[in-house]
Amino acid sequence: MGFQLGLIGAGIDGSRTPFMHEQEALAQGTNLSYKILNTDRIEASLEELIHWGRTLLFDGFNITHPFKQDVIALLDHVDEAAAKIGAVNTVKFDANGLATGYNTDYSGYMAGLKSLEGADLSTVVQIGAGGAGSAVAQALVDSGVQDLRILDLSPERAASLAEQVGGSAITPEELEGAIVQASGLVNCTPIGMDSHPGTPVDTGLLRPDMWVSDVIYFPLETQLLRDAKAKGCATLDGSRMAVGQAVHAFEIFTGQSADPERMLEAFRLAGQR
């Protein structure tokens, strides 16, 4: 029995997800092929790619920036948790080509946050309210964040997510004051990726008693995290979320349990290739 999977997104040539899935399948004696479908290089719409998945007998797709919310309208079913979050990062096709959407970013980020033992969750600023941001915001609140303040380029999107999770939306003018008061900062934007260099905030505002998290994992150490470490902040890079979401997605795609430590090792090896 073999599996055909793919990753849909923009600027994703450096993704480690295919290698993680293929190595886990190899360790389990399962035949699995995983393709990168980079929309910066493929002249096809998201709708066309989902159609290909149905008709070319793919078993599933992972979905990443910027399609985690747009893909929902193209699916036949959406898992209850993904519907609540309002974003899908995993699509499973059944034998008839029907597509069901799931969100494994949520559980992946929550698992990573637990590694920041003793982190102050009183007040957190989150930058970005898109697909990844929706999952992370829900994970933050469910992990015990008391005051979540959300900024996005779209004020409407920030307000909608804040209402959904019980946080508050802030404006760019309020950002500096919010960071000064925050115990933690989370970047859920693509700013910091190889294709979007820089930082989403003025890192001169960071303090040593803060923790800083970035969901980006290529590069694994973004400029935001480098600057945060230089300030003495505790940091959480994107590896934990990347591996956690892959573990759960592998189980959805194949019906087989994945080994988290083995997938973490594959993630590290992928970065050395």
C-alpha atoms as a PDB file:
ATOM      1  CA  MET A   1       0.000   0.000   0.000  1.00  0.00           C
ATOM      2  CA  GLY A   2       1.377   3.401  -0.949  1.00  0.00           C
ATOM      3  CA  PHE A   3       0.491   7.021  -0.241  1.00  0.00           C
ATOM      4  CA  GLN A   4       0.753  10.086  -2.470  1.00  0.00           C
ATOM      5  CA  LEU A   5       0.863  13.395  -0.597  1.00  0.00           C
ATOM      6  CA  GLY A   6       1.647  17.024  -1.359  1.00  0.00           C
ATOM      7  CA  LEU A   7       2.270  20.406   0.231  1.00  0.00           C
ATOM      8  CA  ILE A   8       0.505  23.466  -1.218  1.00  0.00           C
ATOM      9  CA  GLY A   9       1.847  26.920  -0.427  1.00  0.00           C
ATOM     10  CA  ALA A  10       3.935  29.871  -1.587  1.00  0.00           C
ATOM     11  CA  GLY A  11       7.700  30.085  -1.135  1.00  0.00           C
ATOM     12  CA  ILE A  12       7.928  26.558   0.277  1.00  0.00           C
ATOM     13  CA  ASP A  13      10.888  25.035  -1.564  1.00  0.00           C
ATOM     14  CA  GLY A  14      12.788  24.839   1.747  1.00  0.00           C
ATOM     15  CA  SER A  15      10.046  22.957   3.575  1.00  0.00           C
ATOM     16  CA  ARG A  16      11.156  20.015   5.723  1.00  0.00           C
ATOM     17  CA  THR A  17       7.681  18.475   5.797  1.00  0.00           C
ATOM     18  CA  PRO A  18       8.138  16.134   2.805  1.00  0.00           C
ATOM     19  CA  PHE A  19      11.322  14.637   4.258  1.00  0.00           C
ATOM     20  CA  MET A  20       9.701  14.109   7.676  1.00  0.00           C
ATOM     21  CA  HIS A  21       6.767  12.209   6.177  1.00  0.00           C
ATOM     22  CA  GLU A  22       8.887  10.151   3.801  1.00  0.00           C
ATOM     23  CA  GLN A  23      11.378   9.181   6.508  1.00  0.00           C
ATOM     24  CA  GLU A  24       8.631   8.184   8.944  1.00  0.00           C
ATOM     25  CA  ALA A  25       6.973   6.063   6.273  1.00  0.00           C
ATOM     26  CA  LEU A  26      10.324   4.446   5.429  1.00  0.00           C
ATOM     27  CA  ALA A  27      10.884   3.587   9.099  1.00  0.00           C
ATOM     28  CA  GLN A  28       7.465   1.943   9.168  1.00  0.00           C
ATOM     29  CA  GLY A  29       8.006   0.029   5.943  1.00  0.00           C
ATOM     30  CA  THR A  30       5.367   2.077   4.136  1.00  0.00           C
ATOM     31  CA  ASN A  31       5.632   3.400   0.576  1.00  0.00           C
ATOM     32  CA  LEU A  32       4.981   7.153   0.593  1.00  0.00           C
ATOM     33  CA  SER A  33       5.751   9.916  -1.908  1.00  0.00           C
ATOM     34  CA  TYR A  34       5.451  13.591  -0.980  1.00  0.00           C
ATOM     35  CA  LYS A  35       5.528  16.433  -3.536  1.00  0.00           C
ATOM     36  CA  ILE A  36       6.051  20.174  -3.049  1.00  0.00           C
ATOM     37  CA  LEU A  37       3.480  22.252  -4.937  1.00  0.00           C
ATOM     38  CA  ASN A  38       4.965  25.745  -4.698  1.00  0.00           C
ATOM     39  CA  THR A  39       2.456  28.211  -6.125  1.00  0.00           C
ATOM     40  CA  ASP A  40       5.300  30.642  -6.829  1.00  0.00           C
ATOM     41  CA  ARG A  41       6.457  28.130  -9.459  1.00  0.00           C
ATOM     42  CA  ILE A  42       3.291  26.314 -10.508  1.00  0.00           C
ATOM     43  CA  GLU A  43       0.811  28.128 -12.721  1.00  0.00           C
ATOM     44  CA  ALA A  44      -2.277  26.746 -11.037  1.00  0.00           C
ATOM     45  CA  SER A  45      -4.859  28.142  -8.649  1.00  0.00           C
ATOM     46  CA  LEU A  46      -5.642  26.642  -5.251  1.00  0.00           C
ATOM     47  CA  GLU A  47      -8.946  25.409  -6.668  1.00  0.00           C
ATOM     48  CA  GLU A  48      -7.130  23.651  -9.516  1.00  0.00           C
ATOM     49  CA  LEU A  49      -4.663  22.025  -7.138  1.00  0.00           C
ATOM     50  CA  ILE A  50      -7.446  20.654  -4.943  1.00  0.00           C
ATOM     51  CA  HIS A  51      -9.127  19.347  -8.085  1.00  0.00           C
ATOM     52  CA  TRP A  52      -5.875  17.614  -9.053  1.00  0.00           C
ATOM     53  CA  GLY A  53      -5.821  16.008  -5.636  1.00  0.00           C
ATOM     54  CA  ARG A  54      -9.289  14.599  -6.143  1.00  0.00           C
ATOM     55  CA  THR A  55      -8.772  13.351  -9.693  1.00  0.00           C
ATOM     56  CA  LEU A  56      -5.137  12.186  -9.546  1.00  0.00           C
ATOM     57  CA  LEU A  57      -5.831  10.029  -6.503  1.00  0.00           C
ATOM     58  CA  PHE A  58      -3.732  11.907  -3.973  1.00  0.00           C
ATOM     59  CA  ASP A  59      -4.283  10.712  -0.406  1.00  0.00           C
ATOM     60  CA  GLY A  60      -3.938  14.199   0.992  1.00  0.00           C
ATOM     61  CA  PHE A  61      -2.353  17.628   1.041  1.00  0.00           C
ATOM     62  CA  ASN A  62      -0.796  19.770   3.699  1.00  0.00           C
ATOM     63  CA  ILE A  63      -1.790  23.414   3.245  1.00  0.00           C
ATOM     64  CA  THR A  64       0.391  26.328   4.274  1.00  0.00           C
ATOM     65  CA  HIS A  65       0.679  30.108   3.775  1.00  0.00           C
ATOM     66  CA  PRO A  66      -1.312  31.778   2.326  1.00  0.00           C
ATOM     67  CA  PHE A  67      -4.097  29.239   1.752  1.00  0.00           C
ATOM     68  CA  LYS A  68      -5.119  27.862   5.167  1.00  0.00           C
ATOM     69  CA  GLN A  69      -8.340  29.859   5.275  1.00  0.00           C
ATOM     70  CA  ASP A  70      -9.163  30.022   1.559  1.00  0.00           C
ATOM     71  CA  VAL A  71      -9.052  26.238   1.200  1.00  0.00           C
ATOM     72  CA  ILE A  72     -12.070  25.725   3.460  1.00  0.00           C
ATOM     73  CA  ALA A  73     -14.543  26.785   0.759  1.00  0.00           C
ATOM     74  CA  LEU A  74     -13.148  24.100  -1.569  1.00  0.00           C
ATOM     75  CA  LEU A  75     -13.667  21.153   0.801  1.00  0.00           C
ATOM     76  CA  ASP A  76     -16.559  18.743   1.255  1.00  0.00           C
ATOM     77  CA  HIS A  77     -16.204  18.458   5.027  1.00  0.00           C
ATOM     78  CA  VAL A  78     -14.296  20.282   7.774  1.00  0.00           C
ATOM     79  CA  ASP A  79     -13.386  18.722  11.098  1.00  0.00           C
ATOM     80  CA  GLU A  80     -15.112  20.379  14.071  1.00  0.00           C
ATOM     81  CA  ALA A  81     -11.874  21.668  15.601  1.00  0.00           C
ATOM     82  CA  ALA A  82     -10.686  23.121  12.281  1.00  0.00           C
ATOM     83  CA  ALA A  83     -14.066  24.770  11.753  1.00  0.00           C
ATOM     84  CA  LYS A  84     -13.813  26.396  15.173  1.00  0.00           C
ATOM     85  CA  ILE A  85     -10.327  27.697  14.410  1.00  0.00           C
ATOM     86  CA  GLY A  86     -11.341  28.779  10.909  1.00  0.00           C
ATOM     87  CA  ALA A  87      -8.269  27.353   9.196  1.00  0.00           C
ATOM     88  CA  VAL A  88      -7.184  24.065   7.632  1.00  0.00           C
ATOM     89  CA  ASN A  89      -3.623  22.821   7.202  1.00  0.00           C
ATOM     90  CA  THR A  90      -4.359  19.155   6.415  1.00  0.00           C
ATOM     91  CA  VAL A  91      -6.684  17.828   3.707  1.00  0.00           C
ATOM     92  CA  LYS A  92      -7.515  14.127   3.463  1.00  0.00           C
ATOM     93  CA  PHE A  93      -9.086  12.650   0.313  1.00  0.00           C
ATOM     94  CA  ASP A  94     -11.207   9.515   0.593  1.00  0.00           C
ATOM     95  CA  ALA A  95     -11.526   6.816  -2.058  1.00  0.00           C
ATOM     96  CA  ASN A  96     -14.246   8.821  -3.820  1.00  0.00           C
ATOM     97  CA  GLY A  97     -12.190  12.025  -3.938  1.00  0.00           C
ATOM     98  CA  LEU A  98     -14.163  13.731  -1.169  1.00  0.00           C
ATOM     99  CA  ALA A  99     -11.988  16.144   0.800  1.00  0.00           C
ATOM    100  CA  THR A 100     -12.030  16.647   4.576  1.00  0.00           C
ATOM    101  CA  GLY A 101     -10.080  19.435   6.263  1.00  0.00           C
ATOM    102  CA  TYR A 102      -8.278  19.263   9.612  1.00  0.00           C
ATOM    103  CA  ASN A 103      -6.054  21.559  11.646  1.00  0.00           C
ATOM    104  CA  THR A 104      -2.968  20.016  13.216  1.00  0.00           C
ATOM    105  CA  ASP A 105      -1.193  23.366  13.732  1.00  0.00           C
ATOM    106  CA  TYR A 106      -3.252  23.810  16.914  1.00  0.00           C
ATOM    107  CA  SER A 107      -2.050  20.669  18.667  1.00  0.00           C
ATOM    108  CA  GLY A 108       1.447  21.142  17.271  1.00  0.00           C
ATOM    109  CA  TYR A 109       1.828  24.634  18.724  1.00  0.00           C
ATOM    110  CA  MET A 110       0.285  23.660  22.045  1.00  0.00           C
ATOM    111  CA  ALA A 111       2.814  20.857  22.419  1.00  0.00           C
ATOM    112  CA  GLY A 112       5.660  23.258  21.677  1.00  0.00           C
ATOM    113  CA  LEU A 113       4.434  25.836  24.172  1.00  0.00           C
ATOM    114  CA  LYS A 114       4.646  23.252  26.951  1.00  0.00           C
ATOM    115  CA  SER A 115       8.416  23.106  26.397  1.00  0.00           C
ATOM    116  CA  LEU A 116       8.656  26.709  27.634  1.00  0.00           C
ATOM    117  CA  GLU A 117       8.413  25.587  31.252  1.00  0.00           C
ATOM    118  CA  GLY A 118       7.411  28.339  33.636  1.00  0.00           C
ATOM    119  CA  ALA A 119       6.566  30.805  30.858  1.00  0.00           C
ATOM    120  CA  ASP A 120       4.472  33.731  32.060  1.00  0.00           C
ATOM    121  CA  LEU A 121       1.169  33.496  30.175  1.00  0.00           C
ATOM    122  CA  SER A 122      -0.446  36.571  31.701  1.00  0.00           C
ATOM    123  CA  THR A 123      -0.255  38.914  28.685  1.00  0.00           C
ATOM    124  CA  VAL A 124       0.745  37.867  25.174  1.00  0.00           C
ATOM    125  CA  VAL A 125       0.974  39.886  21.959  1.00  0.00           C
ATOM    126  CA  GLN A 126       0.373  37.922  18.759  1.00  0.00           C
ATOM    127  CA  ILE A 127       1.334  39.355  15.381  1.00  0.00           C
ATOM    128  CA  GLY A 128      -0.707  37.842  12.560  1.00  0.00           C
ATOM    129  CA  ALA A 129      -4.287  36.556  12.460  1.00  0.00           C
ATOM    130  CA  GLY A 130      -4.160  34.418   9.327  1.00  0.00           C
ATOM    131  CA  GLY A 131      -4.364  30.657   9.031  1.00  0.00           C
ATOM    132  CA  ALA A 132      -1.489  29.811  11.364  1.00  0.00           C
ATOM    133  CA  GLY A 133      -2.467  32.688  13.640  1.00  0.00           C
ATOM    134  CA  SER A 134      -5.969  31.326  14.132  1.00  0.00           C
ATOM    135  CA  ALA A 135      -4.635  27.977  15.343  1.00  0.00           C
ATOM    136  CA  VAL A 136      -1.951  29.547  17.519  1.00  0.00           C
ATOM    137  CA  ALA A 137      -4.383  31.995  19.145  1.00  0.00           C
ATOM    138  CA  GLN A 138      -6.701  29.161  20.122  1.00  0.00           C
ATOM    139  CA  ALA A 139      -3.750  27.150  21.449  1.00  0.00           C
ATOM    140  CA  LEU A 140      -2.514  30.123  23.486  1.00  0.00           C
ATOM    141  CA  VAL A 141      -5.892  30.706  25.095  1.00  0.00           C
ATOM    142  CA  ASP A 142      -6.424  27.003  25.760  1.00  0.00           C
ATOM    143  CA  SER A 143      -2.935  26.872  27.321  1.00  0.00           C
ATOM    144  CA  GLY A 144      -3.897  29.532  29.852  1.00  0.00           C
ATOM    145  CA  VAL A 145      -3.044  32.919  28.314  1.00  0.00           C
ATOM    146  CA  GLN A 146      -5.143  35.420  30.238  1.00  0.00           C
ATOM    147  CA  ASP A 147      -4.828  38.491  28.014  1.00  0.00           C
ATOM    148  CA  LEU A 148      -4.169  37.891  24.302  1.00  0.00           C
ATOM    149  CA  ARG A 149      -3.680  40.984  22.153  1.00  0.00           C
ATOM    150  CA  ILE A 150      -3.750  40.469  18.382  1.00  0.00           C
ATOM    151  CA  LEU A 151      -2.403  42.663  15.581  1.00  0.00           C
ATOM    152  CA  ASP A 152      -2.887  42.022  11.872  1.00  0.00           C
ATOM    153  CA  LEU A 153      -2.518  44.017   8.659  1.00  0.00           C
ATOM    154  CA  SER A 154      -6.279  43.550   8.361  1.00  0.00           C
ATOM    155  CA  PRO A 155      -7.993  45.168  11.389  1.00  0.00           C
ATOM    156  CA  GLU A 156     -11.152  43.223  10.552  1.00  0.00           C
ATOM    157  CA  ARG A 157      -9.325  39.902  10.635  1.00  0.00           C
ATOM    158  CA  ALA A 158      -7.652  40.763  13.949  1.00  0.00           C
ATOM    159  CA  ALA A 159     -10.994  41.780  15.438  1.00  0.00           C
ATOM    160  CA  SER A 160     -12.678  38.611  14.207  1.00  0.00           C
ATOM    161  CA  LEU A 161     -10.001  36.340  15.662  1.00  0.00           C
ATOM    162  CA  ALA A 162      -9.949  38.275  18.937  1.00  0.00           C
ATOM    163  CA  GLU A 163     -13.708  37.853  19.286  1.00  0.00           C
ATOM    164  CA  GLN A 164     -13.413  34.151  18.441  1.00  0.00           C
ATOM    165  CA  VAL A 165     -10.851  33.371  21.162  1.00  0.00           C
ATOM    166  CA  GLY A 166     -11.775  35.982  23.750  1.00  0.00           C
ATOM    167  CA  GLY A 167      -8.784  38.252  23.164  1.00  0.00           C
ATOM    168  CA  SER A 168      -8.533  41.851  22.020  1.00  0.00           C
ATOM    169  CA  ALA A 169      -7.458  43.433  18.743  1.00  0.00           C
ATOM    170  CA  ILE A 170      -4.847  46.191  18.785  1.00  0.00           C
ATOM    171  CA  THR A 171      -3.788  48.763  16.212  1.00  0.00           C
ATOM    172  CA  PRO A 172      -0.239  49.433  14.954  1.00  0.00           C
ATOM    173  CA  GLU A 173      -0.247  52.579  17.084  1.00  0.00           C
ATOM    174  CA  GLU A 174      -0.947  50.463  20.180  1.00  0.00           C
ATOM    175  CA  LEU A 175       1.693  47.840  19.435  1.00  0.00           C
ATOM    176  CA  GLU A 176       4.632  49.458  21.238  1.00  0.00           C
ATOM    177  CA  GLY A 177       2.665  49.912  24.448  1.00  0.00           C
ATOM    178  CA  ALA A 178       1.325  46.374  24.227  1.00  0.00           C
ATOM    179  CA  ILE A 179       4.831  44.886  23.878  1.00  0.00           C
ATOM    180  CA  VAL A 180       6.067  46.944  26.829  1.00  0.00           C
ATOM    181  CA  GLN A 181       3.333  45.333  28.944  1.00  0.00           C
ATOM    182  CA  ALA A 182       3.574  41.819  27.478  1.00  0.00           C
ATOM    183  CA  SER A 183       5.044  38.720  29.072  1.00  0.00           C
ATOM    184  CA  GLY A 184       5.251  36.992  25.688  1.00  0.00           C
ATOM    185  CA  LEU A 185       5.346  37.728  21.958  1.00  0.00           C
ATOM    186  CA  VAL A 186       4.370  35.397  19.111  1.00  0.00           C
ATOM    187  CA  ASN A 187       5.005  35.938  15.399  1.00  0.00           C
ATOM    188  CA  CYS A 188       2.434  34.278  13.134  1.00  0.00           C
ATOM    189  CA  THR A 189       3.301  36.241   9.992  1.00  0.00           C
ATOM    190  CA  PRO A 190       5.690  35.226   7.179  1.00  0.00           C
ATOM    191  CA  ILE A 191       8.032  38.064   8.125  1.00  0.00           C
ATOM    192  CA  GLY A 192      11.334  36.389   8.893  1.00  0.00           C
ATOM    193  CA  MET A 193      11.115  33.688   6.226  1.00  0.00           C
ATOM    194  CA  ASP A 194      13.893  33.563   3.639  1.00  0.00           C
ATOM    195  CA  SER A 195      11.422  35.043   1.156  1.00  0.00           C
ATOM    196  CA  HIS A 196      10.249  37.735   3.629  1.00  0.00           C
ATOM    197  CA  PRO A 197      13.347  38.841   5.605  1.00  0.00           C
ATOM    198  CA  GLY A 198      13.193  41.150   8.600  1.00  0.00           C
ATOM    199  CA  THR A 199      11.250  41.271  11.853  1.00  0.00           C
ATOM    200  CA  PRO A 200       7.536  41.954  12.416  1.00  0.00           C
ATOM    201  CA  VAL A 201       8.226  44.297  15.360  1.00  0.00           C
ATOM    202  CA  ASP A 202      10.933  46.624  16.647  1.00  0.00           C
ATOM    203  CA  THR A 203      13.063  44.163  18.601  1.00  0.00           C
ATOM    204  CA  GLY A 204      14.508  47.031  20.610  1.00  0.00           C
ATOM    205  CA  LEU A 205      11.277  46.790  22.634  1.00  0.00           C
ATOM    206  CA  LEU A 206      12.019  43.255  23.844  1.00  0.00           C
ATOM    207  CA  ARG A 207      12.967  42.655  27.494  1.00  0.00           C
ATOM    208  CA  PRO A 208      14.955  39.793  29.086  1.00  0.00           C
ATOM    209  CA  ASP A 209      11.941  38.706  31.172  1.00  0.00           C
ATOM    210  CA  MET A 210       9.820  38.078  28.053  1.00  0.00           C
ATOM    211  CA  TRP A 211       9.514  34.901  26.012  1.00  0.00           C
ATOM    212  CA  VAL A 212       9.395  35.124  22.226  1.00  0.00           C
ATOM    213  CA  SER A 213       7.987  32.571  19.796  1.00  0.00           C
ATOM    214  CA  ASP A 214       8.078  32.302  16.004  1.00  0.00           C
ATOM    215  CA  VAL A 215       6.065  29.781  13.976  1.00  0.00           C
ATOM    216  CA  ILE A 216       8.479  30.064  11.024  1.00  0.00           C
ATOM    217  CA  TYR A 217      10.912  27.197  10.642  1.00  0.00           C
ATOM    218  CA  PHE A 218      12.825  28.072   7.493  1.00  0.00           C
ATOM    219  CA  PRO A 219      15.024  29.558   8.618  1.00  0.00           C
ATOM    220  CA  LEU A 220      14.737  27.925  12.030  1.00  0.00           C
ATOM    221  CA  GLU A 221      16.365  30.897  13.719  1.00  0.00           C
ATOM    222  CA  THR A 222      14.694  34.018  12.374  1.00  0.00           C
ATOM    223  CA  GLN A 223      16.056  37.490  12.957  1.00  0.00           C
ATOM    224  CA  LEU A 224      13.318  37.955  15.570  1.00  0.00           C
ATOM    225  CA  LEU A 225      14.584  34.972  17.549  1.00  0.00           C
ATOM    226  CA  ARG A 226      18.234  35.965  17.143  1.00  0.00           C
ATOM    227  CA  ASP A 227      17.490  39.438  18.474  1.00  0.00           C
ATOM    228  CA  ALA A 228      15.367  37.978  21.287  1.00  0.00           C
ATOM    229  CA  LYS A 229      18.163  35.625  22.369  1.00  0.00           C
ATOM    230  CA  ALA A 230      20.609  38.541  22.335  1.00  0.00           C
ATOM    231  CA  LYS A 231      18.246  40.331  24.706  1.00  0.00           C
ATOM    232  CA  GLY A 232      18.188  37.329  27.029  1.00  0.00           C
ATOM    233  CA  CYS A 233      14.624  36.228  26.210  1.00  0.00           C
ATOM    234  CA  ALA A 234      13.476  32.631  26.376  1.00  0.00           C
ATOM    235  CA  THR A 235      12.589  31.568  22.821  1.00  0.00           C
ATOM    236  CA  LEU A 236      10.468  28.977  21.045  1.00  0.00           C
ATOM    237  CA  ASP A 237      11.284  28.338  17.396  1.00  0.00           C
ATOM    238  CA  GLY A 238       9.010  26.817  14.783  1.00  0.00           C
ATOM    239  CA  SER A 239      10.403  23.278  14.983  1.00  0.00           C
ATOM    240  CA  ARG A 240       8.050  22.054  17.699  1.00  0.00           C
ATOM    241  CA  MET A 241       4.951  23.198  15.854  1.00  0.00           C
ATOM    242  CA  ALA A 242       6.301  21.889  12.542  1.00  0.00           C
ATOM    243  CA  VAL A 243       6.999  18.448  13.959  1.00  0.00           C
ATOM    244  CA  GLY A 244       3.838  18.301  16.063  1.00  0.00           C
ATOM    245  CA  GLN A 245       1.590  19.144  13.146  1.00  0.00           C
ATOM    246  CA  ALA A 246       3.403  16.617  10.944  1.00  0.00           C
ATOM    247  CA  VAL A 247       2.981  13.823  13.492  1.00  0.00           C
ATOM    248  CA  HIS A 248      -0.774  14.313  13.608  1.00  0.00           C
ATOM    249  CA  ALA A 249      -1.071  14.858   9.845  1.00  0.00           C
ATOM    250  CA  PHE A 250       0.817  11.602   9.173  1.00  0.00           C
ATOM    251  CA  GLU A 251      -1.723   9.742  11.288  1.00  0.00           C
ATOM    252  CA  ILE A 252      -4.615  11.366   9.415  1.00  0.00           C
ATOM    253  CA  PHE A 253      -3.110  10.561   6.021  1.00  0.00           C
ATOM    254  CA  THR A 254      -2.016   6.981   6.697  1.00  0.00           C
ATOM    255  CA  GLY A 255      -4.031   5.776   9.665  1.00  0.00           C
ATOM    256  CA  GLN A 256      -0.714   4.820  11.306  1.00  0.00           C
ATOM    257  CA  SER A 257       0.721   6.338  14.484  1.00  0.00           C
ATOM    258  CA  ALA A 258       3.899   8.352  14.004  1.00  0.00           C
ATOM    259  CA  ASP A 259       6.909   8.454  16.324  1.00  0.00           C
ATOM    260  CA  PRO A 260       7.369  12.107  17.446  1.00  0.00           C
ATOM    261  CA  GLU A 261      11.049  11.701  18.360  1.00  0.00           C
ATOM    262  CA  ARG A 262      11.805  10.003  15.055  1.00  0.00           C
ATOM    263  CA  MET A 263      10.066  12.788  13.140  1.00  0.00           C
ATOM    264  CA  LEU A 264      11.954  15.394  15.166  1.00  0.00           C
ATOM    265  CA  GLU A 265      15.213  13.716  14.185  1.00  0.00           C
ATOM    266  CA  ALA A 266      14.083  13.698  10.530  1.00  0.00           C
ATOM    267  CA  PHE A 267      13.297  17.419  10.869  1.00  0.00           C
ATOM    268  CA  ARG A 268      16.840  18.060  12.086  1.00  0.00           C
ATOM    269  CA  LEU A 269      18.377  15.926   9.361  1.00  0.00           C
ATOM    270  CA  ALA A 270      16.363  17.781   6.723  1.00  0.00           C
ATOM    271  CA  GLY A 271      17.986  21.014   7.841  1.00  0.00           C
ATOM    272  CA  GLN A 272      21.451  19.551   7.217  1.00  0.00           C
ATOM    273  CA  ARG A 273      20.811  18.403   3.659  1.00  0.00           C
END
